[in-house]
PDB file of N, CA and C in Angstrom:
ATOM      1  N   UNK A   1     -25.422  -2.695  -8.608  1.00  0.00           N
ATOM      2  CA  UNK A   1     -25.238  -2.080  -7.321  1.00  0.00           C
ATOM      3  C   UNK A   1     -25.894  -2.899  -6.220  1.00  0.00           C
ATOM      4  N   UNK A   2     -26.751  -3.861  -6.583  1.00  0.00           N
ATOM      5  CA  UNK A   2     -27.448  -4.636  -5.560  1.00  0.00           C
ATOM      6  C   UNK A   2     -26.532  -5.526  -4.732  1.00  0.00           C
ATOM      7  N   UNK A   3     -25.399  -5.941  -5.282  1.00  0.00           N
ATOM      8  CA  UNK A   3     -24.461  -6.802  -4.553  1.00  0.00           C
ATOM      9  C   UNK A   3     -23.273  -6.025  -4.004  1.00  0.00           C
ATOM     10  N   UNK A   4     -23.374  -4.713  -3.985  1.00  0.00           N
ATOM     11  CA  UNK A   4     -22.279  -3.872  -3.525  1.00  0.00           C
ATOM     12  C   UNK A   4     -22.065  -4.018  -2.024  1.00  0.00           C
ATOM     13  N   UNK A   5     -20.811  -4.069  -1.624  1.00  0.00           N
ATOM     14  CA  UNK A   5     -20.460  -4.079  -0.201  1.00  0.00           C
ATOM     15  C   UNK A   5     -20.259  -2.627   0.207  1.00  0.00           C
ATOM     16  N   UNK A   6     -20.896  -2.218   1.283  1.00  0.00           N
ATOM     17  CA  UNK A   6     -20.771  -0.845   1.758  1.00  0.00           C
ATOM     18  C   UNK A   6     -19.587  -0.719   2.717  1.00  0.00           C
ATOM     19  N   UNK A   7     -19.016   0.472   2.774  1.00  0.00           N
ATOM     20  CA  UNK A   7     -17.908   0.720   3.702  1.00  0.00           C
ATOM     21  C   UNK A   7     -18.358   0.546   5.151  1.00  0.00           C
ATOM     22  N   UNK A   8     -19.619   0.863   5.438  1.00  0.00           N
ATOM     23  CA  UNK A   8     -20.151   0.643   6.789  1.00  0.00           C
ATOM     24  C   UNK A   8     -20.061  -0.830   7.162  1.00  0.00           C
ATOM     25  N   UNK A   9     -20.370  -1.699   6.201  1.00  0.00           N
ATOM     26  CA  UNK A   9     -20.296  -3.144   6.438  1.00  0.00           C
ATOM     27  C   UNK A   9     -18.858  -3.586   6.665  1.00  0.00           C
ATOM     28  N   UNK A  10     -17.939  -3.033   5.887  1.00  0.00           N
ATOM     29  CA  UNK A  10     -16.519  -3.367   6.036  1.00  0.00           C
ATOM     30  C   UNK A  10     -16.026  -2.936   7.413  1.00  0.00           C
ATOM     31  N   UNK A  11     -16.427  -1.746   7.858  1.00  0.00           N
ATOM     32  CA  UNK A  11     -16.019  -1.271   9.186  1.00  0.00           C
ATOM     33  C   UNK A  11     -16.573  -2.162  10.283  1.00  0.00           C
ATOM     34  N   UNK A  12     -17.800  -2.638  10.126  1.00  0.00           N
ATOM     35  CA  UNK A  12     -18.386  -3.554  11.106  1.00  0.00           C
ATOM     36  C   UNK A  12     -17.608  -4.869  11.141  1.00  0.00           C
ATOM     37  N   UNK A  13     -17.293  -5.406   9.977  1.00  0.00           N
ATOM     38  CA  UNK A  13     -16.520  -6.660   9.902  1.00  0.00           C
ATOM     39  C   UNK A  13     -15.147  -6.471  10.541  1.00  0.00           C
ATOM     40  N   UNK A  14     -14.540  -5.308  10.303  1.00  0.00           N
ATOM     41  CA  UNK A  14     -13.221  -5.019  10.897  1.00  0.00           C
ATOM     42  C   UNK A  14     -13.306  -5.045  12.415  1.00  0.00           C
ATOM     43  N   UNK A  15     -14.359  -4.465  12.964  1.00  0.00           N
ATOM     44  CA  UNK A  15     -14.532  -4.455  14.423  1.00  0.00           C
ATOM     45  C   UNK A  15     -14.764  -5.865  14.968  1.00  0.00           C
ATOM     46  N   UNK A  16     -15.438  -6.700  14.189  1.00  0.00           N
ATOM     47  CA  UNK A  16     -15.685  -8.076  14.621  1.00  0.00           C
ATOM     48  C   UNK A  16     -14.419  -8.935  14.524  1.00  0.00           C
ATOM     49  N   UNK A  17     -13.600  -8.681  13.512  1.00  0.00           N
ATOM     50  CA  UNK A  17     -12.384  -9.480  13.319  1.00  0.00           C
ATOM     51  C   UNK A  17     -11.264  -9.101  14.280  1.00  0.00           C
ATOM     52  N   UNK A  18     -11.235  -7.854  14.696  1.00  0.00           N
ATOM     53  CA  UNK A  18     -10.119  -7.380  15.522  1.00  0.00           C
ATOM     54  C   UNK A  18      -9.907  -8.205  16.797  1.00  0.00           C
ATOM     55  N   UNK A  19     -10.957  -8.507  17.585  1.00  0.00           N
ATOM     56  CA  UNK A  19     -10.736  -9.341  18.775  1.00  0.00           C
ATOM     57  C   UNK A  19     -10.243 -10.751  18.433  1.00  0.00           C
ATOM     58  N   UNK A  20     -10.687 -11.262  17.286  1.00  0.00           N
ATOM     59  CA  UNK A  20     -10.221 -12.596  16.868  1.00  0.00           C
ATOM     60  C   UNK A  20      -8.730 -12.576  16.563  1.00  0.00           C
ATOM     61  N   UNK A  21      -8.259 -11.498  15.958  1.00  0.00           N
ATOM     62  CA  UNK A  21      -6.831 -11.379  15.661  1.00  0.00           C
ATOM     63  C   UNK A  21      -6.033 -11.162  16.944  1.00  0.00           C
ATOM     64  N   UNK A  22      -6.564 -10.360  17.854  1.00  0.00           N
ATOM     65  CA  UNK A  22      -5.867 -10.117  19.123  1.00  0.00           C
ATOM     66  C   UNK A  22      -5.719 -11.394  19.940  1.00  0.00           C
ATOM     67  N   UNK A  23      -6.690 -12.313  19.812  1.00  0.00           N
ATOM     68  CA  UNK A  23      -6.654 -13.567  20.565  1.00  0.00           C
ATOM     69  C   UNK A  23      -6.000 -14.720  19.803  1.00  0.00           C
ATOM     70  N   UNK A  24      -5.453 -14.435  18.618  1.00  0.00           N
ATOM     71  CA  UNK A  24      -4.709 -15.450  17.882  1.00  0.00           C
ATOM     72  C   UNK A  24      -5.540 -16.388  17.029  1.00  0.00           C
ATOM     73  N   UNK A  25      -6.840 -16.154  16.937  1.00  0.00           N
ATOM     74  CA  UNK A  25      -7.671 -16.995  16.066  1.00  0.00           C
ATOM     75  C   UNK A  25      -7.308 -16.705  14.610  1.00  0.00           C
ATOM     76  N   UNK A  26      -7.084 -15.440  14.291  1.00  0.00           N
ATOM     77  CA  UNK A  26      -6.579 -15.001  12.990  1.00  0.00           C
ATOM     78  C   UNK A  26      -5.204 -14.379  13.220  1.00  0.00           C
ATOM     79  N   UNK A  27      -4.343 -14.458  12.239  1.00  0.00           N
ATOM     80  CA  UNK A  27      -3.070 -13.735  12.367  1.00  0.00           C
ATOM     81  C   UNK A  27      -3.336 -12.268  12.028  1.00  0.00           C
ATOM     82  N   UNK A  28      -2.509 -11.394  12.557  1.00  0.00           N
ATOM     83  CA  UNK A  28      -2.663  -9.957  12.287  1.00  0.00           C
ATOM     84  C   UNK A  28      -2.538  -9.678  10.778  1.00  0.00           C
ATOM     85  N   UNK A  29      -1.536 -10.257  10.086  1.00  0.00           N
ATOM     86  CA  UNK A  29      -1.462 -10.021   8.633  1.00  0.00           C
ATOM     87  C   UNK A  29      -2.708 -10.517   7.892  1.00  0.00           C
ATOM     88  N   UNK A  30      -3.267 -11.638   8.351  1.00  0.00           N
ATOM     89  CA  UNK A  30      -4.482 -12.155   7.718  1.00  0.00           C
ATOM     90  C   UNK A  30      -5.645 -11.187   7.923  1.00  0.00           C
ATOM     91  N   UNK A  31      -5.781 -10.669   9.136  1.00  0.00           N
ATOM     92  CA  UNK A  31      -6.841  -9.687   9.419  1.00  0.00           C
ATOM     93  C   UNK A  31      -6.676  -8.463   8.525  1.00  0.00           C
ATOM     94  N   UNK A  32      -5.453  -7.956   8.422  1.00  0.00           N
ATOM     95  CA  UNK A  32      -5.197  -6.769   7.598  1.00  0.00           C
ATOM     96  C   UNK A  32      -5.514  -7.018   6.133  1.00  0.00           C
ATOM     97  N   UNK A  33      -5.137  -8.198   5.647  1.00  0.00           N
ATOM     98  CA  UNK A  33      -5.397  -8.541   4.242  1.00  0.00           C
ATOM     99  C   UNK A  33      -6.889  -8.627   3.974  1.00  0.00           C
ATOM    100  N   UNK A  34      -7.638  -9.256   4.873  1.00  0.00           N
ATOM    101  CA  UNK A  34      -9.091  -9.377   4.708  1.00  0.00           C
ATOM    102  C   UNK A  34      -9.729  -7.992   4.638  1.00  0.00           C
ATOM    103  N   UNK A  35      -9.361  -7.130   5.565  1.00  0.00           N
ATOM    104  CA  UNK A  35      -9.958  -5.794   5.611  1.00  0.00           C
ATOM    105  C   UNK A  35      -9.533  -4.966   4.397  1.00  0.00           C
ATOM    106  N   UNK A  36      -8.261  -5.059   4.011  1.00  0.00           N
ATOM    107  CA  UNK A  36      -7.788  -4.315   2.832  1.00  0.00           C
ATOM    108  C   UNK A  36      -8.542  -4.754   1.580  1.00  0.00           C
ATOM    109  N   UNK A  37      -8.729  -6.063   1.436  1.00  0.00           N
ATOM    110  CA  UNK A  37      -9.454  -6.581   0.273  1.00  0.00           C
ATOM    111  C   UNK A  37     -10.910  -6.117   0.280  1.00  0.00           C
ATOM    112  N   UNK A  38     -11.547  -6.188   1.451  1.00  0.00           N
ATOM    113  CA  UNK A  38     -12.946  -5.762   1.549  1.00  0.00           C
ATOM    114  C   UNK A  38     -13.090  -4.259   1.284  1.00  0.00           C
ATOM    115  N   UNK A  39     -12.172  -3.461   1.808  1.00  0.00           N
ATOM    116  CA  UNK A  39     -12.246  -2.010   1.571  1.00  0.00           C
ATOM    117  C   UNK A  39     -12.095  -1.694   0.084  1.00  0.00           C
ATOM    118  N   UNK A  40     -11.163  -2.347  -0.564  1.00  0.00           N
ATOM    119  CA  UNK A  40     -10.982  -2.117  -1.999  1.00  0.00           C
ATOM    120  C   UNK A  40     -12.202  -2.584  -2.780  1.00  0.00           C
ATOM    121  N   UNK A  41     -12.780  -3.694  -2.356  1.00  0.00           N
ATOM    122  CA  UNK A  41     -13.995  -4.209  -2.998  1.00  0.00           C
ATOM    123  C   UNK A  41     -15.136  -3.219  -2.841  1.00  0.00           C
ATOM    124  N   UNK A  42     -15.292  -2.655  -1.648  1.00  0.00           N
ATOM    125  CA  UNK A  42     -16.358  -1.681  -1.414  1.00  0.00           C
ATOM    126  C   UNK A  42     -16.121  -0.400  -2.206  1.00  0.00           C
ATOM    127  N   UNK A  43     -14.874   0.024  -2.271  1.00  0.00           N
ATOM    128  CA  UNK A  43     -14.560   1.289  -2.938  1.00  0.00           C
ATOM    129  C   UNK A  43     -14.563   1.174  -4.455  1.00  0.00           C
ATOM    130  N   UNK A  44     -13.946   0.113  -4.976  1.00  0.00           N
ATOM    131  CA  UNK A  44     -13.729  -0.003  -6.422  1.00  0.00           C
ATOM    132  C   UNK A  44     -14.536  -1.102  -7.097  1.00  0.00           C
ATOM    133  N   UNK A  45     -15.232  -1.911  -6.299  1.00  0.00           N
ATOM    134  CA  UNK A  45     -16.018  -2.991  -6.893  1.00  0.00           C
ATOM    135  C   UNK A  45     -15.202  -4.192  -7.303  1.00  0.00           C
ATOM    136  N   UNK A  46     -13.931  -4.244  -6.899  1.00  0.00           N
ATOM    137  CA  UNK A  46     -13.076  -5.390  -7.212  1.00  0.00           C
ATOM    138  C   UNK A  46     -12.003  -5.521  -6.134  1.00  0.00           C
ATOM    139  N   UNK A  47     -11.495  -6.744  -5.919  1.00  0.00           N
ATOM    140  CA  UNK A  47     -10.435  -6.920  -4.920  1.00  0.00           C
ATOM    141  C   UNK A  47      -9.124  -6.292  -5.395  1.00  0.00           C
ATOM    142  N   UNK A  48      -8.187  -6.160  -4.464  1.00  0.00           N
ATOM    143  CA  UNK A  48      -6.857  -5.660  -4.821  1.00  0.00           C
ATOM    144  C   UNK A  48      -6.254  -6.624  -5.837  1.00  0.00           C
ATOM    145  N   UNK A  49      -5.699  -6.097  -6.918  1.00  0.00           N
ATOM    146  CA  UNK A  49      -5.143  -6.994  -7.931  1.00  0.00           C
ATOM    147  C   UNK A  49      -4.011  -7.852  -7.371  1.00  0.00           C
ATOM    148  N   UNK A  50      -3.989  -9.100  -7.786  1.00  0.00           N
ATOM    149  CA  UNK A  50      -2.927  -9.993  -7.337  1.00  0.00           C
ATOM    150  C   UNK A  50      -1.664  -9.679  -8.118  1.00  0.00           C
ATOM    151  N   UNK A  51      -0.612  -9.448  -7.396  1.00  0.00           N
ATOM    152  CA  UNK A  51       0.663  -9.074  -8.001  1.00  0.00           C
ATOM    153  C   UNK A  51       1.698 -10.108  -7.581  1.00  0.00           C
ATOM    154  N   UNK A  52       2.406 -10.640  -8.557  1.00  0.00           N
ATOM    155  CA  UNK A  52       3.491 -11.568  -8.253  1.00  0.00           C
ATOM    156  C   UNK A  52       4.619 -10.770  -7.621  1.00  0.00           C
ATOM    157  N   UNK A  53       4.958 -11.056  -6.347  1.00  0.00           N
ATOM    158  CA  UNK A  53       6.003 -10.275  -5.677  1.00  0.00           C
ATOM    159  C   UNK A  53       7.356 -10.438  -6.355  1.00  0.00           C
ATOM    160  N   UNK A  54       8.001  -9.294  -6.576  1.00  0.00           N
ATOM    161  CA  UNK A  54       9.361  -9.326  -7.111  1.00  0.00           C
ATOM    162  C   UNK A  54      10.044  -8.026  -6.750  1.00  0.00           C
ATOM    163  N   UNK A  55      11.347  -8.030  -6.825  1.00  0.00           N
ATOM    164  CA  UNK A  55      12.136  -6.830  -6.588  1.00  0.00           C
ATOM    165  C   UNK A  55      12.354  -6.128  -7.918  1.00  0.00           C
ATOM    166  N   UNK A  56      12.193  -4.807  -7.888  1.00  0.00           N
ATOM    167  CA  UNK A  56      12.344  -4.023  -9.117  1.00  0.00           C
ATOM    168  C   UNK A  56      13.339  -2.900  -8.887  1.00  0.00           C
ATOM    169  N   UNK A  57      13.891  -2.407  -9.966  1.00  0.00           N
ATOM    170  CA  UNK A  57      14.853  -1.306  -9.898  1.00  0.00           C
ATOM    171  C   UNK A  57      14.152   0.044  -9.884  1.00  0.00           C
ATOM    172  N   UNK A  58      14.942   1.095  -9.767  1.00  0.00           N
ATOM    173  CA  UNK A  58      14.402   2.454  -9.713  1.00  0.00           C
ATOM    174  C   UNK A  58      13.629   2.848 -10.975  1.00  0.00           C
ATOM    175  N   UNK A  59      14.112   2.522 -12.168  1.00  0.00           N
ATOM    176  CA  UNK A  59      13.346   2.910 -13.361  1.00  0.00           C
ATOM    177  C   UNK A  59      11.940   2.284 -13.387  1.00  0.00           C
ATOM    178  N   UNK A  60      11.845   1.010 -13.028  1.00  0.00           N
ATOM    179  CA  UNK A  60      10.536   0.347 -13.028  1.00  0.00           C
ATOM    180  C   UNK A  60       9.641   0.880 -11.915  1.00  0.00           C
ATOM    181  N   UNK A  61      10.224   1.174 -10.749  1.00  0.00           N
ATOM    182  CA  UNK A  61       9.448   1.753  -9.645  1.00  0.00           C
ATOM    183  C   UNK A  61       8.898   3.115 -10.060  1.00  0.00           C
ATOM    184  N   UNK A  62       9.731   3.934 -10.682  1.00  0.00           N
ATOM    185  CA  UNK A  62       9.288   5.252 -11.151  1.00  0.00           C
ATOM    186  C   UNK A  62       8.166   5.114 -12.175  1.00  0.00           C
ATOM    187  N   UNK A  63       8.296   4.155 -13.074  1.00  0.00           N
ATOM    188  CA  UNK A  63       7.271   3.933 -14.095  1.00  0.00           C
ATOM    189  C   UNK A  63       5.950   3.500 -13.461  1.00  0.00           C
ATOM    190  N   UNK A  64       6.013   2.618 -12.457  1.00  0.00           N
ATOM    191  CA  UNK A  64       4.786   2.179 -11.777  1.00  0.00           C
ATOM    192  C   UNK A  64       4.064   3.353 -11.127  1.00  0.00           C
ATOM    193  N   UNK A  65       4.820   4.345 -10.678  1.00  0.00           N
ATOM    194  CA  UNK A  65       4.245   5.513 -10.010  1.00  0.00           C
ATOM    195  C   UNK A  65       3.905   6.637 -10.983  1.00  0.00           C
ATOM    196  N   UNK A  66       4.278   6.459 -12.247  1.00  0.00           N
ATOM    197  CA  UNK A  66       4.002   7.491 -13.243  1.00  0.00           C
ATOM    198  C   UNK A  66       4.892   8.713 -13.077  1.00  0.00           C
ATOM    199  N   UNK A  67       6.110   8.487 -12.607  1.00  0.00           N
ATOM    200  CA  UNK A  67       7.056   9.574 -12.367  1.00  0.00           C
ATOM    201  C   UNK A  67       8.274   9.425 -13.257  1.00  0.00           C
ATOM    202  N   UNK A  68       8.956  10.534 -13.494  1.00  0.00           N
ATOM    203  CA  UNK A  68      10.252  10.438 -14.164  1.00  0.00           C
ATOM    204  C   UNK A  68      11.237   9.839 -13.165  1.00  0.00           C
ATOM    205  N   UNK A  69      12.293   9.256 -13.670  1.00  0.00           N
ATOM    206  CA  UNK A  69      13.305   8.657 -12.791  1.00  0.00           C
ATOM    207  C   UNK A  69      13.938   9.726 -11.896  1.00  0.00           C
ATOM    208  N   UNK A  70      14.204  10.894 -12.453  1.00  0.00           N
ATOM    209  CA  UNK A  70      14.814  11.969 -11.665  1.00  0.00           C
ATOM    210  C   UNK A  70      13.886  12.411 -10.526  1.00  0.00           C
ATOM    211  N   UNK A  71      12.603  12.554 -10.812  1.00  0.00           N
ATOM    212  CA  UNK A  71      11.643  12.961  -9.783  1.00  0.00           C
ATOM    213  C   UNK A  71      11.492  11.872  -8.726  1.00  0.00           C
ATOM    214  N   UNK A  72      11.469  10.608  -9.146  1.00  0.00           N
ATOM    215  CA  UNK A  72      11.382   9.498  -8.206  1.00  0.00           C
ATOM    216  C   UNK A  72      12.569   9.538  -7.237  1.00  0.00           C
ATOM    217  N   UNK A  73      13.783   9.715  -7.772  1.00  0.00           N
ATOM    218  CA  UNK A  73      14.979   9.747  -6.928  1.00  0.00           C
ATOM    219  C   UNK A  73      14.946  10.919  -5.954  1.00  0.00           C
ATOM    220  N   UNK A  74      14.464  12.074  -6.437  1.00  0.00           N
ATOM    221  CA  UNK A  74      14.378  13.260  -5.579  1.00  0.00           C
ATOM    222  C   UNK A  74      13.381  13.002  -4.439  1.00  0.00           C
ATOM    223  N   UNK A  75      12.232  12.447  -4.750  1.00  0.00           N
ATOM    224  CA  UNK A  75      11.226  12.172  -3.727  1.00  0.00           C
ATOM    225  C   UNK A  75      11.721  11.117  -2.744  1.00  0.00           C
ATOM    226  N   UNK A  76      12.431  10.126  -3.239  1.00  0.00           N
ATOM    227  CA  UNK A  76      12.943   9.088  -2.338  1.00  0.00           C
ATOM    228  C   UNK A  76      13.985   9.668  -1.377  1.00  0.00           C
ATOM    229  N   UNK A  77      14.855  10.511  -1.886  1.00  0.00           N
ATOM    230  CA  UNK A  77      15.865  11.150  -1.030  1.00  0.00           C
ATOM    231  C   UNK A  77      15.209  11.968   0.082  1.00  0.00           C
ATOM    232  N   UNK A  78      14.074  12.579  -0.217  1.00  0.00           N
ATOM    233  CA  UNK A  78      13.385  13.396   0.787  1.00  0.00           C
ATOM    234  C   UNK A  78      12.467  12.550   1.680  1.00  0.00           C
ATOM    235  N   UNK A  79      12.552  11.208   1.524  1.00  0.00           N
ATOM    236  CA  UNK A  79      11.779  10.253   2.332  1.00  0.00           C
ATOM    237  C   UNK A  79      10.272  10.466   2.202  1.00  0.00           C
ATOM    238  N   UNK A  80       9.823  10.765   1.001  1.00  0.00           N
ATOM    239  CA  UNK A  80       8.402  10.971   0.715  1.00  0.00           C
ATOM    240  C   UNK A  80       7.615   9.668   0.767  1.00  0.00           C
ATOM    241  N   UNK A  81       8.220   8.586   0.290  1.00  0.00           N
ATOM    242  CA  UNK A  81       7.516   7.312   0.169  1.00  0.00           C
ATOM    243  C   UNK A  81       7.568   6.516   1.466  1.00  0.00           C
ATOM    244  N   UNK A  82       6.493   5.775   1.779  1.00  0.00           N
ATOM    245  CA  UNK A  82       6.510   4.937   2.976  1.00  0.00           C
ATOM    246  C   UNK A  82       7.317   3.648   2.778  1.00  0.00           C
ATOM    247  N   UNK A  83       7.524   3.256   1.533  1.00  0.00           N
ATOM    248  CA  UNK A  83       8.310   2.042   1.275  1.00  0.00           C
ATOM    249  C   UNK A  83       9.786   2.394   1.240  1.00  0.00           C
ATOM    250  N   UNK A  84      10.606   1.407   1.542  1.00  0.00           N
ATOM    251  CA  UNK A  84      12.054   1.631   1.628  1.00  0.00           C
ATOM    252  C   UNK A  84      12.786   0.785   0.590  1.00  0.00           C
ATOM    253  N   UNK A  85      13.958   1.244   0.279  1.00  0.00           N
ATOM    254  CA  UNK A  85      14.805   0.507  -0.667  1.00  0.00           C
ATOM    255  C   UNK A  85      15.372  -0.732  -0.010  1.00  0.00           C
ATOM    256  N   UNK A  86      15.714  -1.691  -0.822  1.00  0.00           N
ATOM    257  CA  UNK A  86      16.343  -2.927  -0.365  1.00  0.00           C
ATOM    258  C   UNK A  86      17.626  -3.065  -1.174  1.00  0.00           C
ATOM    259  N   UNK A  87      18.740  -3.181  -0.486  1.00  0.00           N
ATOM    260  CA  UNK A  87      20.017  -3.288  -1.184  1.00  0.00           C
ATOM    261  C   UNK A  87      20.342  -4.758  -1.448  1.00  0.00           C
ATOM    262  N   UNK A  88      20.638  -5.067  -2.691  1.00  0.00           N
ATOM    263  CA  UNK A  88      21.095  -6.393  -3.097  1.00  0.00           C
ATOM    264  C   UNK A  88      22.502  -6.168  -3.662  1.00  0.00           C
ATOM    265  N   UNK A  89      23.488  -6.416  -2.817  1.00  0.00           N
ATOM    266  CA  UNK A  89      24.853  -6.050  -3.194  1.00  0.00           C
ATOM    267  C   UNK A  89      24.911  -4.536  -3.287  1.00  0.00           C
ATOM    268  N   UNK A  90      25.248  -4.025  -4.489  1.00  0.00           N
ATOM    269  CA  UNK A  90      25.257  -2.574  -4.689  1.00  0.00           C
ATOM    270  C   UNK A  90      24.025  -2.097  -5.456  1.00  0.00           C
ATOM    271  N   UNK A  91      23.116  -3.008  -5.765  1.00  0.00           N
ATOM    272  CA  UNK A  91      21.911  -2.662  -6.525  1.00  0.00           C
ATOM    273  C   UNK A  91      20.786  -2.213  -5.598  1.00  0.00           C
ATOM    274  N   UNK A  92      20.096  -1.151  -5.987  1.00  0.00           N
ATOM    275  CA  UNK A  92      18.946  -0.643  -5.240  1.00  0.00           C
ATOM    276  C   UNK A  92      17.693  -1.284  -5.812  1.00  0.00           C
ATOM    277  N   UNK A  93      16.903  -1.908  -4.944  1.00  0.00           N
ATOM    278  CA  UNK A  93      15.674  -2.572  -5.377  1.00  0.00           C
ATOM    279  C   UNK A  93      14.530  -2.200  -4.440  1.00  0.00           C
ATOM    280  N   UNK A  94      13.303  -2.392  -4.944  1.00  0.00           N
ATOM    281  CA  UNK A  94      12.082  -2.124  -4.181  1.00  0.00           C
ATOM    282  C   UNK A  94      11.136  -3.293  -4.377  1.00  0.00           C
ATOM    283  N   UNK A  95      10.309  -3.541  -3.377  1.00  0.00           N
ATOM    284  CA  UNK A  95       9.285  -4.576  -3.510  1.00  0.00           C
ATOM    285  C   UNK A  95       8.135  -3.980  -4.322  1.00  0.00           C
ATOM    286  N   UNK A  96       7.790  -4.625  -5.429  1.00  0.00           N
ATOM    287  CA  UNK A  96       6.698  -4.112  -6.253  1.00  0.00           C
ATOM    288  C   UNK A  96       5.376  -4.120  -5.484  1.00  0.00           C
ATOM    289  N   UNK A  97       5.216  -5.045  -4.564  1.00  0.00           N
ATOM    290  CA  UNK A  97       3.978  -5.103  -3.784  1.00  0.00           C
ATOM    291  C   UNK A  97       3.853  -3.886  -2.866  1.00  0.00           C
ATOM    292  N   UNK A  98       4.978  -3.373  -2.354  1.00  0.00           N
ATOM    293  CA  UNK A  98       4.947  -2.162  -1.532  1.00  0.00           C
ATOM    294  C   UNK A  98       4.480  -0.961  -2.360  1.00  0.00           C
ATOM    295  N   UNK A  99       4.915  -0.916  -3.597  1.00  0.00           N
ATOM    296  CA  UNK A  99       4.530   0.199  -4.467  1.00  0.00           C
ATOM    297  C   UNK A  99       3.050   0.109  -4.827  1.00  0.00           C
ATOM    298  N   UNK A 100       2.568  -1.104  -5.100  1.00  0.00           N
ATOM    299  CA  UNK A 100       1.139  -1.281  -5.398  1.00  0.00           C
ATOM    300  C   UNK A 100       0.302  -0.865  -4.198  1.00  0.00           C
ATOM    301  N   UNK A 101       0.708  -1.272  -2.999  1.00  0.00           N
ATOM    302  CA  UNK A 101      -0.028  -0.876  -1.782  1.00  0.00           C
ATOM    303  C   UNK A 101      -0.018   0.635  -1.610  1.00  0.00           C
ATOM    304  N   UNK A 102       1.106   1.282  -1.901  1.00  0.00           N
ATOM    305  CA  UNK A 102       1.200   2.735  -1.814  1.00  0.00           C
ATOM    306  C   UNK A 102       0.233   3.396  -2.791  1.00  0.00           C
ATOM    307  N   UNK A 103       0.192   2.897  -4.018  1.00  0.00           N
ATOM    308  CA  UNK A 103      -0.690   3.466  -5.035  1.00  0.00           C
ATOM    309  C   UNK A 103      -2.159   3.298  -4.632  1.00  0.00           C
ATOM    310  N   UNK A 104      -2.499   2.150  -4.040  1.00  0.00           N
ATOM    311  CA  UNK A 104      -3.886   1.877  -3.671  1.00  0.00           C
ATOM    312  C   UNK A 104      -4.284   2.484  -2.330  1.00  0.00           C
ATOM    313  N   UNK A 105      -3.319   2.978  -1.559  1.00  0.00           N
ATOM    314  CA  UNK A 105      -3.636   3.496  -0.227  1.00  0.00           C
ATOM    315  C   UNK A 105      -4.436   4.779  -0.330  1.00  0.00           C
ATOM    316  N   UNK A 106      -5.204   5.021   0.701  1.00  0.00           N
ATOM    317  CA  UNK A 106      -6.013   6.236   0.761  1.00  0.00           C
ATOM    318  C   UNK A 106      -5.338   7.286   1.620  1.00  0.00           C
ATOM    319  N   UNK A 107      -4.158   6.996   2.135  1.00  0.00           N
ATOM    320  CA  UNK A 107      -3.452   7.952   2.983  1.00  0.00           C
ATOM    321  C   UNK A 107      -3.096   9.183   2.163  1.00  0.00           C
ATOM    322  N   UNK A 108      -3.328  10.327   2.748  1.00  0.00           N
ATOM    323  CA  UNK A 108      -2.900  11.544   2.072  1.00  0.00           C
ATOM    324  C   UNK A 108      -1.516  11.876   2.588  1.00  0.00           C
ATOM    325  N   UNK A 109      -0.586  11.944   1.691  1.00  0.00           N
ATOM    326  CA  UNK A 109       0.791  12.238   2.063  1.00  0.00           C
ATOM    327  C   UNK A 109       1.091  13.686   1.753  1.00  0.00           C
ATOM    328  N   UNK A 110       1.812  14.317   2.648  1.00  0.00           N
ATOM    329  CA  UNK A 110       2.219  15.695   2.437  1.00  0.00           C
ATOM    330  C   UNK A 110       3.414  15.729   1.502  1.00  0.00           C
ATOM    331  N   UNK A 111       3.581  16.846   0.872  1.00  0.00           N
ATOM    332  CA  UNK A 111       4.758  17.003   0.027  1.00  0.00           C
ATOM    333  C   UNK A 111       5.981  17.114   0.940  1.00  0.00           C
ATOM    334  N   UNK A 112       7.154  16.744   0.443  1.00  0.00           N
ATOM    335  CA  UNK A 112       8.373  16.850   1.254  1.00  0.00           C
ATOM    336  C   UNK A 112       8.604  18.262   1.752  1.00  0.00           C
ATOM    337  N   UNK A 113       8.244  19.285   0.958  1.00  0.00           N
ATOM    338  CA  UNK A 113       8.452  20.663   1.351  1.00  0.00           C
ATOM    339  C   UNK A 113       7.606  21.007   2.578  1.00  0.00           C
ATOM    340  N   UNK A 114       6.344  20.526   2.627  1.00  0.00           N
ATOM    341  CA  UNK A 114       5.473  20.873   3.754  1.00  0.00           C
ATOM    342  C   UNK A 114       5.918  20.166   5.023  1.00  0.00           C
ATOM    343  N   UNK A 115       6.591  19.021   4.897  1.00  0.00           N
ATOM    344  CA  UNK A 115       7.105  18.326   6.081  1.00  0.00           C
ATOM    345  C   UNK A 115       8.213  19.140   6.748  1.00  0.00           C
ATOM    346  N   UNK A 116       9.036  19.784   5.918  1.00  0.00           N
ATOM    347  CA  UNK A 116      10.177  20.514   6.478  1.00  0.00           C
ATOM    348  C   UNK A 116       9.767  21.850   7.072  1.00  0.00           C
ATOM    349  N   UNK A 117       8.595  22.366   6.697  1.00  0.00           N
ATOM    350  CA  UNK A 117       8.134  23.644   7.217  1.00  0.00           C
ATOM    351  C   UNK A 117       7.649  23.553   8.664  1.00  0.00           C
ATOM    352  N   UNK A 118       7.278  22.376   9.132  1.00  0.00           N
ATOM    353  CA  UNK A 118       6.728  22.218  10.482  1.00  0.00           C
ATOM    354  C   UNK A 118       7.767  22.348  11.544  1.00  0.00           C
TER     355      UNK A 118
END
């Protein structure tokens, strides 16, 4: 625990990096990646796992999320997920990196039913 990075430290670094990104010293994606990696390091003690980017089909996307294919399709139809499908001809594909980011995100998502009640 002596070498642990605290979330307070990550938030301070984020505040210091933000003006550098706004002025073009860092790119915005680079700033986001640095902060995402540091937050994961502070929270889990390890950086975000490196994933070779590839397009995957619905069965593999459902498996990555621990869902049945039918439940995955139902949730996607109700626009539950922040990631979107990518059409390759008539094939439906998803970026595996988008799914990994979704799994690692701390955002609390409402169920599709609660979205429609508002």
